[in-house]
């Protein structure tokens, strides 16, 4: 379980690129980032 939680959190931490998650892409396009 601790290793699976680490995998789960790693999979959901997509802050560093605009293509990491759909919301990042929407903000990237509309906000002229």
ModelCIF file with pLDDT and N, C-alpha, C, O atoms, coordinates in Angstrom:
data_MODEL
#
_entry.id   MODEL 
#
_entity.id                         1 
_entity.type                       polymer 
_entity.pdbx_number_of_molecules   1 
#
_entity_poly.entity_id                      1 
_entity_poly.type                           'polypeptide(L)' 
_entity_poly.nstd_linkage                   no 
_entity_poly.nstd_monomer                   no 
_entity_poly.pdbx_seq_one_letter_code       
;(UNK)(UNK)(UNK)(UNK)(UNK)(UNK)(UNK)(UNK)(UNK)(UNK)(UNK)(UNK)(UNK)(UNK)(UNK)(UNK)
(UNK)(UNK)(UNK)(UNK)(UNK)(UNK)(UNK)(UNK)(UNK)(UNK)(UNK)(UNK)(UNK)(UNK)(UNK)(UNK)
(UNK)
;
_entity_poly.pdbx_seq_one_letter_code_can   XXXXXXXXXXXXXXXXXXXXXXXXXXXXXXXXX 
_entity_poly.pdbx_strand_id                 A 
#
loop_
_entity_poly_seq.entity_id 
_entity_poly_seq.num 
_entity_poly_seq.mon_id 
_entity_poly_seq.hetero 
1 1  UNK n 
1 2  UNK n 
1 3  UNK n 
1 4  UNK n 
1 5  UNK n 
1 6  UNK n 
1 7  UNK n 
1 8  UNK n 
1 9  UNK n 
1 10 UNK n 
1 11 UNK n 
1 12 UNK n 
1 13 UNK n 
1 14 UNK n 
1 15 UNK n 
1 16 UNK n 
1 17 UNK n 
1 18 UNK n 
1 19 UNK n 
1 20 UNK n 
1 21 UNK n 
1 22 UNK n 
1 23 UNK n 
1 24 UNK n 
1 25 UNK n 
1 26 UNK n 
1 27 UNK n 
1 28 UNK n 
1 29 UNK n 
1 30 UNK n 
1 31 UNK n 
1 32 UNK n 
1 33 UNK n 
#
_struct_asym.id          A 
_struct_asym.entity_id   1 
#
loop_
_ma_qa_metric.id 
_ma_qa_metric.mode 
_ma_qa_metric.name 
_ma_qa_metric.software_group_id 
_ma_qa_metric.type 
1 global pLDDT . pLDDT 
2 local  pLDDT . pLDDT 
#
_ma_qa_metric_global.metric_id      1 
_ma_qa_metric_global.metric_value   87.30 
_ma_qa_metric_global.model_id       1 
_ma_qa_metric_global.ordinal_id     1 
#
loop_
_ma_qa_metric_local.label_asym_id 
_ma_qa_metric_local.label_comp_id 
_ma_qa_metric_local.label_seq_id 
_ma_qa_metric_local.metric_id 
_ma_qa_metric_local.metric_value 
_ma_qa_metric_local.model_id 
_ma_qa_metric_local.ordinal_id 
A UNK 1  2 94.00 1 1  
A UNK 2  2 95.00 1 2  
A UNK 3  2 94.00 1 3  
A UNK 4  2 93.00 1 4  
A UNK 5  2 94.00 1 5  
A UNK 6  2 93.00 1 6  
A UNK 7  2 91.00 1 7  
A UNK 8  2 90.00 1 8  
A UNK 9  2 90.00 1 9  
A UNK 10 2 86.00 1 10 
A UNK 11 2 83.00 1 11 
A UNK 12 2 84.00 1 12 
A UNK 13 2 84.00 1 13 
A UNK 14 2 84.00 1 14 
A UNK 15 2 86.00 1 15 
A UNK 16 2 86.00 1 16 
A UNK 17 2 87.00 1 17 
A UNK 18 2 87.00 1 18 
A UNK 19 2 85.00 1 19 
A UNK 20 2 78.00 1 20 
A UNK 21 2 79.00 1 21 
A UNK 22 2 82.00 1 22 
A UNK 23 2 84.00 1 23 
A UNK 24 2 85.00 1 24 
A UNK 25 2 86.00 1 25 
A UNK 26 2 88.00 1 26 
A UNK 27 2 88.00 1 27 
A UNK 28 2 87.00 1 28 
A UNK 29 2 84.00 1 29 
A UNK 30 2 87.00 1 30 
A UNK 31 2 88.00 1 31 
A UNK 32 2 89.00 1 32 
A UNK 33 2 90.00 1 33 
#
loop_
_atom_site.group_PDB 
_atom_site.id 
_atom_site.type_symbol 
_atom_site.label_atom_id 
_atom_site.label_alt_id 
_atom_site.label_comp_id 
_atom_site.label_asym_id 
_atom_site.label_entity_id 
_atom_site.label_seq_id 
_atom_site.pdbx_PDB_ins_code 
_atom_site.Cartn_x 
_atom_site.Cartn_y 
_atom_site.Cartn_z 
_atom_site.occupancy 
_atom_site.B_iso_or_equiv 
_atom_site.pdbx_formal_charge 
_atom_site.auth_seq_id 
_atom_site.auth_comp_id 
_atom_site.auth_asym_id 
_atom_site.auth_atom_id 
_atom_site.pdbx_PDB_model_num 
ATOM 1   N N  . UNK A 1 1  ? 0.796  -1.232 0.000   1.00 94.00 ? 1  UNK A N  1 
ATOM 2   C CA . UNK A 1 1  ? 0.000  0.000  0.000   1.00 94.00 ? 1  UNK A CA 1 
ATOM 3   C C  . UNK A 1 1  ? 0.829  1.284  0.000   1.00 94.00 ? 1  UNK A C  1 
ATOM 4   O O  . UNK A 1 1  ? 0.497  2.196  -0.757  1.00 94.00 ? 1  UNK A O  1 
ATOM 5   N N  . UNK A 1 2  ? 1.884  1.409  0.801   1.00 95.00 ? 2  UNK A N  1 
ATOM 6   C CA . UNK A 1 2  ? 2.671  2.650  0.726   1.00 95.00 ? 2  UNK A CA 1 
ATOM 7   C C  . UNK A 1 2  ? 3.279  2.896  -0.654  1.00 95.00 ? 2  UNK A C  1 
ATOM 8   O O  . UNK A 1 2  ? 3.325  4.037  -1.115  1.00 95.00 ? 2  UNK A O  1 
ATOM 9   N N  . UNK A 1 3  ? 3.736  1.854  -1.303  1.00 94.00 ? 3  UNK A N  1 
ATOM 10  C CA . UNK A 1 3  ? 4.293  2.023  -2.648  1.00 94.00 ? 3  UNK A CA 1 
ATOM 11  C C  . UNK A 1 3  ? 3.209  2.375  -3.664  1.00 94.00 ? 3  UNK A C  1 
ATOM 12  O O  . UNK A 1 3  ? 3.458  3.144  -4.592  1.00 94.00 ? 3  UNK A O  1 
ATOM 13  N N  . UNK A 1 4  ? 2.029  1.826  -3.497  1.00 93.00 ? 4  UNK A N  1 
ATOM 14  C CA . UNK A 1 4  ? 0.927  2.151  -4.407  1.00 93.00 ? 4  UNK A CA 1 
ATOM 15  C C  . UNK A 1 4  ? 0.457  3.595  -4.218  1.00 93.00 ? 4  UNK A C  1 
ATOM 16  O O  . UNK A 1 4  ? 0.074  4.252  -5.186  1.00 93.00 ? 4  UNK A O  1 
ATOM 17  N N  . UNK A 1 5  ? 0.485  4.089  -2.986  1.00 94.00 ? 5  UNK A N  1 
ATOM 18  C CA . UNK A 1 5  ? 0.144  5.492  -2.749  1.00 94.00 ? 5  UNK A CA 1 
ATOM 19  C C  . UNK A 1 5  ? 1.180  6.394  -3.416  1.00 94.00 ? 5  UNK A C  1 
ATOM 20  O O  . UNK A 1 5  ? 0.826  7.430  -3.978  1.00 94.00 ? 5  UNK A O  1 
ATOM 21  N N  . UNK A 1 6  ? 2.442  6.014  -3.361  1.00 93.00 ? 6  UNK A N  1 
ATOM 22  C CA . UNK A 1 6  ? 3.492  6.796  -4.020  1.00 93.00 ? 6  UNK A CA 1 
ATOM 23  C C  . UNK A 1 6  ? 3.279  6.814  -5.539  1.00 93.00 ? 6  UNK A C  1 
ATOM 24  O O  . UNK A 1 6  ? 3.453  7.856  -6.170  1.00 93.00 ? 6  UNK A O  1 
ATOM 25  N N  . UNK A 1 7  ? 2.911  5.692  -6.122  1.00 91.00 ? 7  UNK A N  1 
ATOM 26  C CA . UNK A 1 7  ? 2.628  5.635  -7.557  1.00 91.00 ? 7  UNK A CA 1 
ATOM 27  C C  . UNK A 1 7  ? 1.424  6.516  -7.882  1.00 91.00 ? 7  UNK A C  1 
ATOM 28  O O  . UNK A 1 7  ? 1.441  7.252  -8.869  1.00 91.00 ? 7  UNK A O  1 
ATOM 29  N N  . UNK A 1 8  ? 0.388  6.443  -7.063  1.00 90.00 ? 8  UNK A N  1 
ATOM 30  C CA . UNK A 1 8  ? -0.821 7.228  -7.280  1.00 90.00 ? 8  UNK A CA 1 
ATOM 31  C C  . UNK A 1 8  ? -0.523 8.732  -7.222  1.00 90.00 ? 8  UNK A C  1 
ATOM 32  O O  . UNK A 1 8  ? -0.978 9.489  -8.080  1.00 90.00 ? 8  UNK A O  1 
ATOM 33  N N  . UNK A 1 9  ? 0.224  9.153  -6.231  1.00 90.00 ? 9  UNK A N  1 
ATOM 34  C CA . UNK A 1 9  ? 0.539  10.572 -6.099  1.00 90.00 ? 9  UNK A CA 1 
ATOM 35  C C  . UNK A 1 9  ? 1.464  11.044 -7.226  1.00 90.00 ? 9  UNK A C  1 
ATOM 36  O O  . UNK A 1 9  ? 1.311  12.153 -7.740  1.00 90.00 ? 9  UNK A O  1 
ATOM 37  N N  . UNK A 1 10 ? 2.407  10.208 -7.597  1.00 86.00 ? 10 UNK A N  1 
ATOM 38  C CA . UNK A 1 10 ? 3.297  10.566 -8.693  1.00 86.00 ? 10 UNK A CA 1 
ATOM 39  C C  . UNK A 1 10 ? 2.552  10.716 -10.010 1.00 86.00 ? 10 UNK A C  1 
ATOM 40  O O  . UNK A 1 10 ? 2.896  11.563 -10.834 1.00 86.00 ? 10 UNK A O  1 
ATOM 41  N N  . UNK A 1 11 ? 1.536  9.896  -10.201 1.00 83.00 ? 11 UNK A N  1 
ATOM 42  C CA . UNK A 1 11 ? 0.761  9.963  -11.433 1.00 83.00 ? 11 UNK A CA 1 
ATOM 43  C C  . UNK A 1 11 ? -0.122 11.210 -11.491 1.00 83.00 ? 11 UNK A C  1 
ATOM 44  O O  . UNK A 1 11 ? -0.464 11.685 -12.574 1.00 83.00 ? 11 UNK A O  1 
ATOM 45  N N  . UNK A 1 12 ? -0.488 11.734 -10.324 1.00 84.00 ? 12 UNK A N  1 
ATOM 46  C CA . UNK A 1 12 ? -1.383 12.888 -10.319 1.00 84.00 ? 12 UNK A CA 1 
ATOM 47  C C  . UNK A 1 12 ? -0.650 14.216 -10.169 1.00 84.00 ? 12 UNK A C  1 
ATOM 48  O O  . UNK A 1 12 ? -1.282 15.269 -10.241 1.00 84.00 ? 12 UNK A O  1 
ATOM 49  N N  . UNK A 1 13 ? 0.657  14.196 -9.964  1.00 84.00 ? 13 UNK A N  1 
ATOM 50  C CA . UNK A 1 13 ? 1.423  15.436 -9.797  1.00 84.00 ? 13 UNK A CA 1 
ATOM 51  C C  . UNK A 1 13 ? 1.979  15.867 -11.152 1.00 84.00 ? 13 UNK A C  1 
ATOM 52  O O  . UNK A 1 13 ? 3.108  15.532 -11.511 1.00 84.00 ? 13 UNK A O  1 
ATOM 53  N N  . UNK A 1 14 ? 1.179  16.604 -11.883 1.00 84.00 ? 14 UNK A N  1 
ATOM 54  C CA . UNK A 1 14 ? 1.586  17.032 -13.228 1.00 84.00 ? 14 UNK A CA 1 
ATOM 55  C C  . UNK A 1 14 ? 1.531  18.546 -13.321 1.00 84.00 ? 14 UNK A C  1 
ATOM 56  O O  . UNK A 1 14 ? 0.743  19.105 -14.083 1.00 84.00 ? 14 UNK A O  1 
ATOM 57  N N  . UNK A 1 15 ? 2.375  19.204 -12.540 1.00 86.00 ? 15 UNK A N  1 
ATOM 58  C CA . UNK A 1 15 ? 2.333  20.657 -12.476 1.00 86.00 ? 15 UNK A CA 1 
ATOM 59  C C  . UNK A 1 15 ? 3.345  21.331 -13.399 1.00 86.00 ? 15 UNK A C  1 
ATOM 60  O O  . UNK A 1 15 ? 3.188  22.511 -13.711 1.00 86.00 ? 15 UNK A O  1 
ATOM 61  N N  . UNK A 1 16 ? 4.368  20.624 -13.839 1.00 86.00 ? 16 UNK A N  1 
ATOM 62  C CA . UNK A 1 16 ? 5.506  21.262 -14.483 1.00 86.00 ? 16 UNK A CA 1 
ATOM 63  C C  . UNK A 1 16 ? 5.356  21.496 -15.982 1.00 86.00 ? 16 UNK A C  1 
ATOM 64  O O  . UNK A 1 16 ? 6.195  22.176 -16.574 1.00 86.00 ? 16 UNK A O  1 
ATOM 65  N N  . UNK A 1 17 ? 4.335  20.966 -16.604 1.00 87.00 ? 17 UNK A N  1 
ATOM 66  C CA . UNK A 1 17 ? 4.169  21.183 -18.040 1.00 87.00 ? 17 UNK A CA 1 
ATOM 67  C C  . UNK A 1 17 ? 2.705  21.492 -18.357 1.00 87.00 ? 17 UNK A C  1 
ATOM 68  O O  . UNK A 1 17 ? 1.806  21.051 -17.641 1.00 87.00 ? 17 UNK A O  1 
ATOM 69  N N  . UNK A 1 18 ? 2.470  22.236 -19.412 1.00 87.00 ? 18 UNK A N  1 
ATOM 70  C CA . UNK A 1 18 ? 1.081  22.519 -19.787 1.00 87.00 ? 18 UNK A CA 1 
ATOM 71  C C  . UNK A 1 18 ? 0.385  21.318 -20.413 1.00 87.00 ? 18 UNK A C  1 
ATOM 72  O O  . UNK A 1 18 ? -0.834 21.338 -20.583 1.00 87.00 ? 18 UNK A O  1 
ATOM 73  N N  . UNK A 1 19 ? 1.123  20.285 -20.756 1.00 85.00 ? 19 UNK A N  1 
ATOM 74  C CA . UNK A 1 19 ? 0.495  19.115 -21.368 1.00 85.00 ? 19 UNK A CA 1 
ATOM 75  C C  . UNK A 1 19 ? 0.346  17.966 -20.379 1.00 85.00 ? 19 UNK A C  1 
ATOM 76  O O  . UNK A 1 19 ? -0.033 16.860 -20.763 1.00 85.00 ? 19 UNK A O  1 
ATOM 77  N N  . UNK A 1 20 ? 0.642  18.224 -19.108 1.00 78.00 ? 20 UNK A N  1 
ATOM 78  C CA . UNK A 1 20 ? 0.555  17.179 -18.098 1.00 78.00 ? 20 UNK A CA 1 
ATOM 79  C C  . UNK A 1 20 ? -0.867 16.809 -17.730 1.00 78.00 ? 20 UNK A C  1 
ATOM 80  O O  . UNK A 1 20 ? -1.132 15.681 -17.315 1.00 78.00 ? 20 UNK A O  1 
ATOM 81  N N  . UNK A 1 21 ? -1.777 17.748 -17.881 1.00 79.00 ? 21 UNK A N  1 
ATOM 82  C CA . UNK A 1 21 ? -3.166 17.499 -17.513 1.00 79.00 ? 21 UNK A CA 1 
ATOM 83  C C  . UNK A 1 21 ? -4.058 18.404 -18.364 1.00 79.00 ? 21 UNK A C  1 
ATOM 84  O O  . UNK A 1 21 ? -3.610 19.449 -18.836 1.00 79.00 ? 21 UNK A O  1 
ATOM 85  N N  . UNK A 1 22 ? -5.290 18.017 -18.557 1.00 82.00 ? 22 UNK A N  1 
ATOM 86  C CA . UNK A 1 22 ? -6.184 18.754 -19.439 1.00 82.00 ? 22 UNK A CA 1 
ATOM 87  C C  . UNK A 1 22 ? -6.396 20.189 -18.973 1.00 82.00 ? 22 UNK A C  1 
ATOM 88  O O  . UNK A 1 22 ? -6.413 21.106 -19.795 1.00 82.00 ? 22 UNK A O  1 
ATOM 89  N N  . UNK A 1 23 ? -6.555 20.398 -17.678 1.00 84.00 ? 23 UNK A N  1 
ATOM 90  C CA . UNK A 1 23 ? -6.779 21.735 -17.155 1.00 84.00 ? 23 UNK A CA 1 
ATOM 91  C C  . UNK A 1 23 ? -5.577 22.630 -17.414 1.00 84.00 ? 23 UNK A C  1 
ATOM 92  O O  . UNK A 1 23 ? -5.736 23.807 -17.739 1.00 84.00 ? 23 UNK A O  1 
ATOM 93  N N  . UNK A 1 24 ? -4.383 22.083 -17.274 1.00 85.00 ? 24 UNK A N  1 
ATOM 94  C CA . UNK A 1 24 ? -3.175 22.856 -17.580 1.00 85.00 ? 24 UNK A CA 1 
ATOM 95  C C  . UNK A 1 24 ? -3.197 23.323 -19.034 1.00 85.00 ? 24 UNK A C  1 
ATOM 96  O O  . UNK A 1 24 ? -2.824 24.459 -19.327 1.00 85.00 ? 24 UNK A O  1 
ATOM 97  N N  . UNK A 1 25 ? -3.623 22.468 -19.926 1.00 86.00 ? 25 UNK A N  1 
ATOM 98  C CA . UNK A 1 25 ? -3.667 22.815 -21.348 1.00 86.00 ? 25 UNK A CA 1 
ATOM 99  C C  . UNK A 1 25 ? -4.694 23.907 -21.617 1.00 86.00 ? 25 UNK A C  1 
ATOM 100 O O  . UNK A 1 25 ? -4.437 24.813 -22.409 1.00 86.00 ? 25 UNK A O  1 
ATOM 101 N N  . UNK A 1 26 ? -5.848 23.832 -20.972 1.00 88.00 ? 26 UNK A N  1 
ATOM 102 C CA . UNK A 1 26 ? -6.872 24.858 -21.167 1.00 88.00 ? 26 UNK A CA 1 
ATOM 103 C C  . UNK A 1 26 ? -6.388 26.219 -20.662 1.00 88.00 ? 26 UNK A C  1 
ATOM 104 O O  . UNK A 1 26 ? -6.591 27.235 -21.327 1.00 88.00 ? 26 UNK A O  1 
ATOM 105 N N  . UNK A 1 27 ? -5.756 26.243 -19.503 1.00 88.00 ? 27 UNK A N  1 
ATOM 106 C CA . UNK A 1 27 ? -5.247 27.496 -18.949 1.00 88.00 ? 27 UNK A CA 1 
ATOM 107 C C  . UNK A 1 27 ? -4.098 28.018 -19.798 1.00 88.00 ? 27 UNK A C  1 
ATOM 108 O O  . UNK A 1 27 ? -3.983 29.224 -20.017 1.00 88.00 ? 27 UNK A O  1 
ATOM 109 N N  . UNK A 1 28 ? -3.265 27.132 -20.265 1.00 87.00 ? 28 UNK A N  1 
ATOM 110 C CA . UNK A 1 28 ? -2.121 27.499 -21.111 1.00 87.00 ? 28 UNK A CA 1 
ATOM 111 C C  . UNK A 1 28 ? -2.588 28.221 -22.366 1.00 87.00 ? 28 UNK A C  1 
ATOM 112 O O  . UNK A 1 28 ? -2.016 29.242 -22.750 1.00 87.00 ? 28 UNK A O  1 
ATOM 113 N N  . UNK A 1 29 ? -3.612 27.698 -22.997 1.00 84.00 ? 29 UNK A N  1 
ATOM 114 C CA . UNK A 1 29 ? -4.097 28.276 -24.242 1.00 84.00 ? 29 UNK A CA 1 
ATOM 115 C C  . UNK A 1 29 ? -4.826 29.591 -24.011 1.00 84.00 ? 29 UNK A C  1 
ATOM 116 O O  . UNK A 1 29 ? -4.592 30.562 -24.730 1.00 84.00 ? 29 UNK A O  1 
ATOM 117 N N  . UNK A 1 30 ? -5.697 29.634 -23.027 1.00 87.00 ? 30 UNK A N  1 
ATOM 118 C CA . UNK A 1 30 ? -6.519 30.831 -22.829 1.00 87.00 ? 30 UNK A CA 1 
ATOM 119 C C  . UNK A 1 30 ? -5.788 31.948 -22.089 1.00 87.00 ? 30 UNK A C  1 
ATOM 120 O O  . UNK A 1 30 ? -6.135 33.118 -22.250 1.00 87.00 ? 30 UNK A O  1 
ATOM 121 N N  . UNK A 1 31 ? -4.794 31.613 -21.291 1.00 88.00 ? 31 UNK A N  1 
ATOM 122 C CA . UNK A 1 31 ? -4.098 32.617 -20.509 1.00 88.00 ? 31 UNK A CA 1 
ATOM 123 C C  . UNK A 1 31 ? -2.852 33.175 -21.152 1.00 88.00 ? 31 UNK A C  1 
ATOM 124 O O  . UNK A 1 31 ? -2.176 34.019 -20.563 1.00 88.00 ? 31 UNK A O  1 
ATOM 125 N N  . UNK A 1 32 ? -2.532 32.717 -22.353 1.00 89.00 ? 32 UNK A N  1 
ATOM 126 C CA . UNK A 1 32 ? -1.330 33.143 -23.062 1.00 89.00 ? 32 UNK A CA 1 
ATOM 127 C C  . UNK A 1 32 ? -0.059 32.933 -22.235 1.00 89.00 ? 32 UNK A C  1 
ATOM 128 O O  . UNK A 1 32 ? 0.841  33.773 -22.233 1.00 89.00 ? 32 UNK A O  1 
ATOM 129 N N  . UNK A 1 33 ? -0.004 31.818 -21.547 1.00 90.00 ? 33 UNK A N  1 
ATOM 130 C CA . UNK A 1 33 ? 1.188  31.469 -20.778 1.00 90.00 ? 33 UNK A CA 1 
ATOM 131 C C  . UNK A 1 33 ? 2.248  30.885 -21.693 1.00 90.00 ? 33 UNK A C  1 
ATOM 132 O O  . UNK A 1 33 ? 3.332  30.527 -21.233 1.00 90.00 ? 33 UNK A O  1 
#
